[in-house]
Amino acid sequence: MEREDVIALAKVRLEEILSFYGYNVTALVVNDGDTIELQVPTDDSGRLIGHHGETLRALQHIVNMIVRNALGSSREHLYVSVDIAGYKQARAKALGEQGIATADRVASSGVEQALAPMSAAERRMVHMAITDRTDVETESRGDEPKRYIVIKPKAS
């Protein structure tokens, strides 16, 4: 199956799933290397995003499974990222800001702080937001689905 056909399949299947739930929207395709981003603009995004993005992650998982099945034994690997109404960008910004603010508090107090449990993708966003800091470091602790980040002073 050609790459363009796989992208079209992912887009159509996502739109069909959303249509089934009463959302007649057109997904926008952003093709970036091995990742295909499907952006869904809508004013009524709450149900599609779900609590802490759970529904959004489920939609993304389903579309990725469809793509994986369509590719079969092909060596090509495409990853589909689904974003509803810019949720992922807004969440990344908020998590980055939270990580930086917590890192500032840890740096000034010298006391480590734990953040609330979050998904692996969200933990990565926090790690990346403060990766260049020389005064603090991050560490993931706990077990899924309650895995969380601890920001602590960097050992001298």
C-alpha atoms as a PDB file:
ATOM      1  CA  MET A   1       0.000   0.000   0.000  1.00  0.00           C
ATOM      2  CA  GLU A   2       1.378   3.416  -0.951  1.00  0.00           C
ATOM      3  CA  ARG A   3       2.048   6.010   1.741  1.00  0.00           C
ATOM      4  CA  GLU A   4      -0.567   8.395   0.316  1.00  0.00           C
ATOM      5  CA  ASP A   5      -3.157   5.603   0.422  1.00  0.00           C
ATOM      6  CA  VAL A   6      -2.367   4.883   4.066  1.00  0.00           C
ATOM      7  CA  ILE A   7      -2.676   8.573   4.948  1.00  0.00           C
ATOM      8  CA  ALA A   8      -6.009   8.769   3.136  1.00  0.00           C
ATOM      9  CA  LEU A   9      -7.190   5.618   4.920  1.00  0.00           C
ATOM     10  CA  ALA A  10      -6.272   7.028   8.345  1.00  0.00           C
ATOM     11  CA  LYS A  11      -8.054  10.302   7.587  1.00  0.00           C
ATOM     12  CA  VAL A  12     -11.209   8.631   6.257  1.00  0.00           C
ATOM     13  CA  ARG A  13     -11.439   6.123   9.112  1.00  0.00           C
ATOM     14  CA  LEU A  14     -11.027   8.852  11.747  1.00  0.00           C
ATOM     15  CA  GLU A  15     -13.723  10.932  10.061  1.00  0.00           C
ATOM     16  CA  GLU A  16     -16.011   7.872   9.929  1.00  0.00           C
ATOM     17  CA  ILE A  17     -15.515   7.153  13.627  1.00  0.00           C
ATOM     18  CA  LEU A  18     -16.236  10.773  14.511  1.00  0.00           C
ATOM     19  CA  SER A  19     -19.262  10.834  12.203  1.00  0.00           C
ATOM     20  CA  PHE A  20     -20.636   7.767  13.988  1.00  0.00           C
ATOM     21  CA  TYR A  21     -20.659   9.843  17.177  1.00  0.00           C
ATOM     22  CA  GLY A  22     -22.343  12.795  15.471  1.00  0.00           C
ATOM     23  CA  TYR A  23     -19.288  14.871  14.583  1.00  0.00           C
ATOM     24  CA  ASN A  24     -19.299  15.717  10.898  1.00  0.00           C
ATOM     25  CA  VAL A  25     -15.828  17.216  10.642  1.00  0.00           C
ATOM     26  CA  THR A  26     -12.965  17.122   8.191  1.00  0.00           C
ATOM     27  CA  ALA A  27      -9.579  16.125   9.567  1.00  0.00           C
ATOM     28  CA  LEU A  28      -6.603  18.134   8.380  1.00  0.00           C
ATOM     29  CA  VAL A  29      -3.505  16.130   7.482  1.00  0.00           C
ATOM     30  CA  VAL A  30      -0.023  17.255   8.484  1.00  0.00           C
ATOM     31  CA  ASN A  31       2.568  14.833   7.127  1.00  0.00           C
ATOM     32  CA  ASP A  32       5.875  14.991   8.989  1.00  0.00           C
ATOM     33  CA  GLY A  33       8.264  12.148   8.208  1.00  0.00           C
ATOM     34  CA  ASP A  34       7.194   8.962   9.948  1.00  0.00           C
ATOM     35  CA  THR A  35       4.364  10.753  11.752  1.00  0.00           C
ATOM     36  CA  ILE A  36       1.038  11.672  10.259  1.00  0.00           C
ATOM     37  CA  GLU A  37      -0.824  14.247  12.307  1.00  0.00           C
ATOM     38  CA  LEU A  38      -4.571  14.404  11.915  1.00  0.00           C
ATOM     39  CA  GLN A  39      -5.924  17.642  13.308  1.00  0.00           C
ATOM     40  CA  VAL A  40      -9.648  17.848  13.972  1.00  0.00           C
ATOM     41  CA  PRO A  41     -11.021  21.365  14.341  1.00  0.00           C
ATOM     42  CA  THR A  42     -14.232  21.500  16.367  1.00  0.00           C
ATOM     43  CA  ASP A  43     -15.903  23.809  18.863  1.00  0.00           C
ATOM     44  CA  ASP A  44     -17.410  20.860  20.746  1.00  0.00           C
ATOM     45  CA  SER A  45     -14.260  19.021  21.753  1.00  0.00           C
ATOM     46  CA  GLY A  46     -14.949  17.946  25.341  1.00  0.00           C
ATOM     47  CA  ARG A  47     -16.479  14.562  24.533  1.00  0.00           C
ATOM     48  CA  LEU A  48     -13.814  13.795  21.935  1.00  0.00           C
ATOM     49  CA  ILE A  49     -10.931  14.654  24.246  1.00  0.00           C
ATOM     50  CA  GLY A  50     -12.389  13.014  27.344  1.00  0.00           C
ATOM     51  CA  HIS A  51     -11.101  13.143  30.904  1.00  0.00           C
ATOM     52  CA  HIS A  52      -7.397  14.064  30.770  1.00  0.00           C
ATOM     53  CA  GLY A  53      -7.326  13.142  27.063  1.00  0.00           C
ATOM     54  CA  GLU A  54      -8.374   9.517  27.542  1.00  0.00           C
ATOM     55  CA  THR A  55     -10.879   9.497  24.677  1.00  0.00           C
ATOM     56  CA  LEU A  56      -8.407  11.259  22.404  1.00  0.00           C
ATOM     57  CA  ARG A  57      -5.736   8.630  23.175  1.00  0.00           C
ATOM     58  CA  ALA A  58      -8.259   5.868  22.464  1.00  0.00           C
ATOM     59  CA  LEU A  59      -9.172   7.407  19.092  1.00  0.00           C
ATOM     60  CA  GLN A  60      -5.506   7.708  18.241  1.00  0.00           C
ATOM     61  CA  HIS A  61      -4.895   4.093  19.235  1.00  0.00           C
ATOM     62  CA  ILE A  62      -7.746   2.847  17.047  1.00  0.00           C
ATOM     63  CA  VAL A  63      -6.532   4.809  14.017  1.00  0.00           C
ATOM     64  CA  ASN A  64      -2.987   3.512  14.549  1.00  0.00           C
ATOM     65  CA  MET A  65      -4.290  -0.069  14.706  1.00  0.00           C
ATOM     66  CA  ILE A  66      -6.166   0.461  11.431  1.00  0.00           C
ATOM     67  CA  VAL A  67      -2.989   1.804   9.794  1.00  0.00           C
ATOM     68  CA  ARG A  68      -0.868  -1.029  11.183  1.00  0.00           C
ATOM     69  CA  ASN A  69      -3.330  -3.615   9.845  1.00  0.00           C
ATOM     70  CA  ALA A  70      -3.424  -1.895   6.451  1.00  0.00           C
ATOM     71  CA  LEU A  71       0.363  -1.951   6.196  1.00  0.00           C
ATOM     72  CA  GLY A  72       0.443  -5.631   7.104  1.00  0.00           C
ATOM     73  CA  SER A  73       3.925  -7.071   6.959  1.00  0.00           C
ATOM     74  CA  SER A  74       5.290  -4.004   5.180  1.00  0.00           C
ATOM     75  CA  ARG A  75       8.492  -2.705   6.698  1.00  0.00           C
ATOM     76  CA  GLU A  76       7.241   0.874   6.525  1.00  0.00           C
ATOM     77  CA  HIS A  77       6.106   2.206   9.876  1.00  0.00           C
ATOM     78  CA  LEU A  78       3.807   5.184  10.094  1.00  0.00           C
ATOM     79  CA  TYR A  79       2.581   6.668  13.345  1.00  0.00           C
ATOM     80  CA  VAL A  80      -0.671   8.623  13.428  1.00  0.00           C
ATOM     81  CA  SER A  81      -1.082  11.422  15.937  1.00  0.00           C
ATOM     82  CA  VAL A  82      -4.628  12.696  16.436  1.00  0.00           C
ATOM     83  CA  ASP A  83      -5.236  16.146  17.904  1.00  0.00           C
ATOM     84  CA  ILE A  84      -8.676  17.539  18.679  1.00  0.00           C
ATOM     85  CA  ALA A  85      -9.069  21.339  18.632  1.00  0.00           C
ATOM     86  CA  GLY A  86      -5.393  21.907  19.456  1.00  0.00           C
ATOM     87  CA  TYR A  87      -5.660  20.026  22.766  1.00  0.00           C
ATOM     88  CA  LYS A  88      -2.230  18.407  22.523  1.00  0.00           C
ATOM     89  CA  GLN A  89      -0.463  21.688  21.815  1.00  0.00           C
ATOM     90  CA  ALA A  90      -2.261  23.427  24.667  1.00  0.00           C
ATOM     91  CA  ARG A  91      -1.566  20.502  27.011  1.00  0.00           C
ATOM     92  CA  ALA A  92       2.119  20.458  26.068  1.00  0.00           C
ATOM     93  CA  LYS A  93       2.378  24.174  26.795  1.00  0.00           C
ATOM     94  CA  ALA A  94       0.596  23.832  30.148  1.00  0.00           C
ATOM     95  CA  LEU A  95       2.726  20.847  31.208  1.00  0.00           C
ATOM     96  CA  GLY A  96       5.908  22.644  30.186  1.00  0.00           C
ATOM     97  CA  GLU A  97       4.909  25.685  32.225  1.00  0.00           C
ATOM     98  CA  GLN A  98       4.001  23.483  35.193  1.00  0.00           C
ATOM     99  CA  GLY A  99       7.341  21.702  34.957  1.00  0.00           C
ATOM    100  CA  ILE A 100       9.286  24.970  34.798  1.00  0.00           C
ATOM    101  CA  ALA A 101       7.372  26.493  37.723  1.00  0.00           C
ATOM    102  CA  THR A 102       7.920  23.360  39.816  1.00  0.00           C
ATOM    103  CA  ALA A 103      11.595  23.292  38.847  1.00  0.00           C
ATOM    104  CA  ASP A 104      11.946  26.916  39.981  1.00  0.00           C
ATOM    105  CA  ARG A 105      10.372  26.056  43.357  1.00  0.00           C
ATOM    106  CA  VAL A 106      12.614  23.010  43.752  1.00  0.00           C
ATOM    107  CA  ALA A 107      15.716  25.014  42.845  1.00  0.00           C
ATOM    108  CA  SER A 108      14.936  27.683  45.428  1.00  0.00           C
ATOM    109  CA  SER A 109      13.781  25.349  48.222  1.00  0.00           C
ATOM    110  CA  GLY A 110      16.092  22.401  47.650  1.00  0.00           C
ATOM    111  CA  VAL A 111      13.161  20.047  48.261  1.00  0.00           C
ATOM    112  CA  GLU A 112      11.989  17.600  45.593  1.00  0.00           C
ATOM    113  CA  GLN A 113       8.389  17.769  44.408  1.00  0.00           C
ATOM    114  CA  ALA A 114       6.194  15.176  42.723  1.00  0.00           C
ATOM    115  CA  LEU A 115       3.737  15.987  39.978  1.00  0.00           C
ATOM    116  CA  ALA A 116       0.403  14.230  39.486  1.00  0.00           C
ATOM    117  CA  PRO A 117       0.394  10.926  37.580  1.00  0.00           C
ATOM    118  CA  MET A 118       0.366  11.343  33.814  1.00  0.00           C
ATOM    119  CA  SER A 119       0.771   9.389  30.601  1.00  0.00           C
ATOM    120  CA  ALA A 120       4.177   8.577  29.145  1.00  0.00           C
ATOM    121  CA  ALA A 121       3.728  11.237  26.452  1.00  0.00           C
ATOM    122  CA  GLU A 122       2.862  13.864  29.060  1.00  0.00           C
ATOM    123  CA  ARG A 123       5.809  12.874  31.265  1.00  0.00           C
ATOM    124  CA  ARG A 124       8.077  13.259  28.257  1.00  0.00           C
ATOM    125  CA  MET A 125       6.743  16.801  27.717  1.00  0.00           C
ATOM    126  CA  VAL A 126       7.713  17.736  31.271  1.00  0.00           C
ATOM    127  CA  HIS A 127      11.124  16.067  30.989  1.00  0.00           C
ATOM    128  CA  MET A 128      11.793  17.962  27.751  1.00  0.00           C
ATOM    129  CA  ALA A 129      10.659  21.308  29.182  1.00  0.00           C
ATOM    130  CA  ILE A 130      13.417  21.304  31.807  1.00  0.00           C
ATOM    131  CA  THR A 131      16.036  19.096  30.174  1.00  0.00           C
ATOM    132  CA  ASP A 132      18.519  21.975  29.790  1.00  0.00           C
ATOM    133  CA  ARG A 133      18.373  23.014  33.440  1.00  0.00           C
ATOM    134  CA  THR A 134      21.568  22.512  35.410  1.00  0.00           C
ATOM    135  CA  ASP A 135      20.036  22.979  38.867  1.00  0.00           C
ATOM    136  CA  VAL A 136      17.310  20.309  38.809  1.00  0.00           C
ATOM    137  CA  GLU A 137      16.620  16.907  37.295  1.00  0.00           C
ATOM    138  CA  THR A 138      13.564  14.790  36.658  1.00  0.00           C
ATOM    139  CA  GLU A 139      12.831  11.189  37.461  1.00  0.00           C
ATOM    140  CA  SER A 140       9.802   9.047  36.703  1.00  0.00           C
ATOM    141  CA  ARG A 141       8.527   6.902  39.551  1.00  0.00           C
ATOM    142  CA  GLY A 142       5.656   4.533  40.194  1.00  0.00           C
ATOM    143  CA  ASP A 143       3.898   2.016  38.010  1.00  0.00           C
ATOM    144  CA  GLU A 144       1.505   2.571  35.124  1.00  0.00           C
ATOM    145  CA  PRO A 145      -1.100   3.991  35.115  1.00  0.00           C
ATOM    146  CA  LYS A 146      -0.067   5.947  38.221  1.00  0.00           C
ATOM    147  CA  ARG A 147       3.467   6.755  37.018  1.00  0.00           C
ATOM    148  CA  TYR A 148       4.530  10.298  37.882  1.00  0.00           C
ATOM    149  CA  ILE A 149       7.481  12.681  37.683  1.00  0.00           C
ATOM    150  CA  VAL A 150       9.581  13.885  40.567  1.00  0.00           C
ATOM    151  CA  ILE A 151      11.594  17.059  40.091  1.00  0.00           C
ATOM    152  CA  LYS A 152      14.546  17.188  42.460  1.00  0.00           C
ATOM    153  CA  PRO A 153      17.667  19.261  43.019  1.00  0.00           C
ATOM    154  CA  LYS A 154      20.545  18.071  40.893  1.00  0.00           C
ATOM    155  CA  ALA A 155      23.222  16.254  42.888  1.00  0.00           C
ATOM    156  CA  SER A 156      26.470  18.194  43.000  1.00  0.00           C
END
